[in-house]
Amino acid sequence: MKAWEEFLLRQEKELGAETVNKWLRSLKVVKFDAGNLYLEAKDSFQAIWFEEHIRPKINASFVNNNHKKIRVHLNVGN
């Protein structure tokens, strides 16, 4: 999904590739449609890190091709 990949590339510039690879690229993309992205974290620690460090950035700047906000849903895997 293009919007997610673009978001990750922006975060690499801000946070560094190592951080993005460890915390964000390791999230599993479960499902995506025009207005929703469903992600799965490997554990609750990754989910908490995401909520603290990334959720505010997503709420501010994560949009689709029509410039509508994409809602991100995060669950913790088994």
N, C-alpha and C. Protein backbone atom coordinates (compact mmCIF):
# COMPACT_ATOMS: atom_id res chain seq x y z
N MET A 1 0.82 -1.17 0.00
CA MET A 1 0.00 0.00 0.00
C MET A 1 0.87 1.24 0.00
N LYS A 2 0.63 2.08 -0.95
CA LYS A 2 1.49 3.23 -1.22
C LYS A 2 1.55 4.23 -0.07
N ALA A 3 0.41 4.58 0.50
CA ALA A 3 0.38 5.58 1.58
C ALA A 3 1.21 5.12 2.78
N TRP A 4 1.11 3.83 3.14
CA TRP A 4 1.87 3.30 4.27
C TRP A 4 3.37 3.34 3.97
N GLU A 5 3.76 2.93 2.77
CA GLU A 5 5.18 2.94 2.40
C GLU A 5 5.73 4.37 2.41
N GLU A 6 4.97 5.32 1.90
CA GLU A 6 5.40 6.72 1.92
C GLU A 6 5.54 7.23 3.36
N PHE A 7 4.61 6.84 4.21
CA PHE A 7 4.69 7.22 5.62
C PHE A 7 5.97 6.65 6.25
N LEU A 8 6.27 5.39 5.96
CA LEU A 8 7.48 4.76 6.50
C LEU A 8 8.74 5.47 6.02
N LEU A 9 8.77 5.85 4.77
CA LEU A 9 9.94 6.56 4.23
C LEU A 9 10.12 7.91 4.92
N ARG A 10 9.02 8.62 5.19
CA ARG A 10 9.12 9.89 5.93
C ARG A 10 9.64 9.66 7.34
N GLN A 11 9.19 8.57 7.96
CA GLN A 11 9.65 8.28 9.32
C GLN A 11 11.12 7.88 9.34
N GLU A 12 11.60 7.24 8.29
CA GLU A 12 13.02 6.90 8.21
C GLU A 12 13.88 8.16 8.25
N LYS A 13 13.42 9.22 7.58
CA LYS A 13 14.17 10.49 7.58
C LYS A 13 14.17 11.11 8.97
N GLU A 14 13.08 10.95 9.69
CA GLU A 14 12.96 11.56 11.01
C GLU A 14 13.55 10.69 12.13
N LEU A 15 13.25 9.39 12.10
CA LEU A 15 13.63 8.49 13.19
C LEU A 15 14.85 7.62 12.88
N GLY A 16 15.17 7.48 11.60
CA GLY A 16 16.26 6.61 11.20
C GLY A 16 15.75 5.26 10.73
N ALA A 17 16.47 4.68 9.79
CA ALA A 17 16.05 3.41 9.18
C ALA A 17 16.02 2.27 10.19
N GLU A 18 16.97 2.24 11.11
CA GLU A 18 17.02 1.15 12.09
C GLU A 18 15.77 1.14 12.97
N THR A 19 15.35 2.29 13.42
CA THR A 19 14.16 2.39 14.26
C THR A 19 12.91 2.00 13.48
N VAL A 20 12.79 2.49 12.26
CA VAL A 20 11.63 2.16 11.43
C VAL A 20 11.58 0.67 11.13
N ASN A 21 12.72 0.08 10.81
CA ASN A 21 12.74 -1.36 10.53
C ASN A 21 12.34 -2.17 11.74
N LYS A 22 12.83 -1.77 12.90
CA LYS A 22 12.55 -2.53 14.12
C LYS A 22 11.10 -2.40 14.56
N TRP A 23 10.57 -1.18 14.56
CA TRP A 23 9.27 -0.92 15.17
C TRP A 23 8.10 -0.85 14.20
N LEU A 24 8.34 -0.41 12.97
CA LEU A 24 7.23 -0.20 12.05
C LEU A 24 7.16 -1.21 10.90
N ARG A 25 8.27 -1.48 10.27
CA ARG A 25 8.25 -2.45 9.17
C ARG A 25 7.93 -3.86 9.67
N SER A 26 8.15 -4.10 10.94
CA SER A 26 7.85 -5.43 11.49
C SER A 26 6.36 -5.59 11.82
N LEU A 27 5.58 -4.51 11.72
CA LEU A 27 4.13 -4.62 11.88
C LEU A 27 3.56 -5.34 10.66
N LYS A 28 2.64 -6.24 10.90
CA LYS A 28 2.01 -6.99 9.81
C LYS A 28 0.81 -6.21 9.29
N VAL A 29 0.79 -5.98 7.98
CA VAL A 29 -0.38 -5.36 7.36
C VAL A 29 -1.40 -6.47 7.13
N VAL A 30 -2.49 -6.41 7.87
CA VAL A 30 -3.53 -7.44 7.81
C VAL A 30 -4.50 -7.16 6.68
N LYS A 31 -4.91 -5.90 6.57
CA LYS A 31 -5.92 -5.52 5.58
C LYS A 31 -5.82 -4.03 5.33
N PHE A 32 -6.17 -3.64 4.10
CA PHE A 32 -6.19 -2.22 3.77
C PHE A 32 -7.32 -1.95 2.80
N ASP A 33 -8.04 -0.87 3.06
CA ASP A 33 -8.98 -0.35 2.07
C ASP A 33 -8.76 1.16 2.01
N ALA A 34 -9.53 1.86 1.24
CA ALA A 34 -9.28 3.28 1.00
C ALA A 34 -9.24 4.14 2.25
N GLY A 35 -9.95 3.73 3.30
CA GLY A 35 -10.00 4.57 4.49
C GLY A 35 -9.50 3.94 5.76
N ASN A 36 -9.05 2.68 5.69
CA ASN A 36 -8.62 1.96 6.89
C ASN A 36 -7.39 1.11 6.61
N LEU A 37 -6.51 1.08 7.59
CA LEU A 37 -5.35 0.20 7.55
C LEU A 37 -5.36 -0.61 8.84
N TYR A 38 -5.34 -1.91 8.71
CA TYR A 38 -5.35 -2.81 9.86
C TYR A 38 -3.96 -3.41 10.02
N LEU A 39 -3.34 -3.15 11.16
CA LEU A 39 -1.99 -3.64 11.45
C LEU A 39 -2.03 -4.60 12.63
N GLU A 40 -1.02 -5.46 12.68
CA GLU A 40 -0.89 -6.38 13.80
C GLU A 40 0.52 -6.27 14.36
N ALA A 41 0.61 -5.98 15.66
CA ALA A 41 1.89 -5.92 16.35
C ALA A 41 2.25 -7.32 16.86
N LYS A 42 3.54 -7.57 16.98
CA LYS A 42 3.97 -8.90 17.45
C LYS A 42 3.75 -9.08 18.94
N ASP A 43 3.73 -7.97 19.70
CA ASP A 43 3.50 -8.06 21.14
C ASP A 43 2.97 -6.71 21.65
N SER A 44 2.57 -6.71 22.91
CA SER A 44 1.99 -5.49 23.48
C SER A 44 3.01 -4.37 23.61
N PHE A 45 4.29 -4.70 23.78
CA PHE A 45 5.32 -3.67 23.88
C PHE A 45 5.42 -2.88 22.57
N GLN A 46 5.38 -3.59 21.44
CA GLN A 46 5.42 -2.92 20.14
C GLN A 46 4.18 -2.06 19.96
N ALA A 47 3.03 -2.55 20.38
CA ALA A 47 1.78 -1.79 20.26
C ALA A 47 1.82 -0.52 21.10
N ILE A 48 2.33 -0.62 22.31
CA ILE A 48 2.45 0.56 23.19
C ILE A 48 3.40 1.58 22.59
N TRP A 49 4.54 1.10 22.06
CA TRP A 49 5.51 2.01 21.43
C TRP A 49 4.85 2.74 20.26
N PHE A 50 4.11 1.99 19.45
CA PHE A 50 3.40 2.58 18.31
C PHE A 50 2.45 3.67 18.79
N GLU A 51 1.64 3.37 19.80
CA GLU A 51 0.66 4.33 20.29
C GLU A 51 1.32 5.59 20.83
N GLU A 52 2.45 5.45 21.50
CA GLU A 52 3.13 6.61 22.08
C GLU A 52 3.87 7.44 21.05
N HIS A 53 4.54 6.79 20.12
CA HIS A 53 5.45 7.50 19.23
C HIS A 53 4.91 7.75 17.83
N ILE A 54 4.03 6.90 17.35
CA ILE A 54 3.61 6.98 15.96
C ILE A 54 2.16 7.44 15.81
N ARG A 55 1.30 7.05 16.69
CA ARG A 55 -0.13 7.42 16.56
C ARG A 55 -0.32 8.93 16.35
N PRO A 56 0.36 9.80 17.11
CA PRO A 56 0.16 11.24 16.87
C PRO A 56 0.57 11.67 15.46
N LYS A 57 1.61 11.06 14.91
CA LYS A 57 2.06 11.41 13.56
C LYS A 57 1.07 10.91 12.52
N ILE A 58 0.52 9.73 12.75
CA ILE A 58 -0.47 9.18 11.82
C ILE A 58 -1.72 10.04 11.83
N ASN A 59 -2.17 10.42 13.00
CA ASN A 59 -3.37 11.25 13.10
C ASN A 59 -3.20 12.58 12.39
N ALA A 60 -1.97 13.07 12.34
CA ALA A 60 -1.71 14.37 11.75
C ALA A 60 -1.50 14.33 10.24
N SER A 61 -0.98 13.20 9.71
CA SER A 61 -0.53 13.27 8.31
C SER A 61 -0.73 12.02 7.47
N PHE A 62 -1.52 11.07 7.89
CA PHE A 62 -1.66 9.83 7.13
C PHE A 62 -2.94 9.89 6.31
N VAL A 63 -2.80 10.15 5.00
CA VAL A 63 -3.95 10.33 4.12
C VAL A 63 -3.82 9.47 2.87
N ASN A 64 -4.96 9.22 2.20
CA ASN A 64 -4.94 8.46 0.96
C ASN A 64 -4.75 9.39 -0.24
N ASN A 65 -4.88 8.85 -1.44
CA ASN A 65 -4.68 9.65 -2.67
C ASN A 65 -5.68 10.79 -2.81
N ASN A 66 -6.83 10.66 -2.17
CA ASN A 66 -7.84 11.71 -2.21
C ASN A 66 -7.71 12.70 -1.06
N HIS A 67 -6.60 12.59 -0.33
CA HIS A 67 -6.31 13.46 0.82
C HIS A 67 -7.30 13.30 1.95
N LYS A 68 -7.90 12.13 2.05
CA LYS A 68 -8.78 11.81 3.18
C LYS A 68 -7.97 10.99 4.19
N LYS A 69 -8.23 11.24 5.46
CA LYS A 69 -7.49 10.53 6.50
C LYS A 69 -7.73 9.02 6.44
N ILE A 70 -6.66 8.29 6.68
CA ILE A 70 -6.74 6.85 6.76
C ILE A 70 -6.70 6.50 8.25
N ARG A 71 -7.69 5.74 8.71
CA ARG A 71 -7.73 5.30 10.10
C ARG A 71 -6.86 4.06 10.24
N VAL A 72 -6.04 4.05 11.27
CA VAL A 72 -5.17 2.91 11.52
C VAL A 72 -5.68 2.15 12.73
N HIS A 73 -5.91 0.86 12.55
CA HIS A 73 -6.38 -0.04 13.59
C HIS A 73 -5.23 -0.98 13.92
N LEU A 74 -4.88 -1.05 15.18
CA LEU A 74 -3.75 -1.87 15.60
C LEU A 74 -4.20 -2.91 16.61
N ASN A 75 -3.89 -4.15 16.32
CA ASN A 75 -4.16 -5.26 17.24
C ASN A 75 -2.84 -5.96 17.56
N VAL A 76 -2.83 -6.69 18.65
CA VAL A 76 -1.66 -7.47 19.03
C VAL A 76 -1.91 -8.92 18.60
N GLY A 77 -0.91 -9.50 17.94
CA GLY A 77 -1.04 -10.88 17.48
C GLY A 77 -1.05 -11.87 18.63
N ASN A 78 -1.25 -13.11 18.27
CA ASN A 78 -1.31 -14.17 19.28
C ASN A 78 0.03 -14.27 19.96
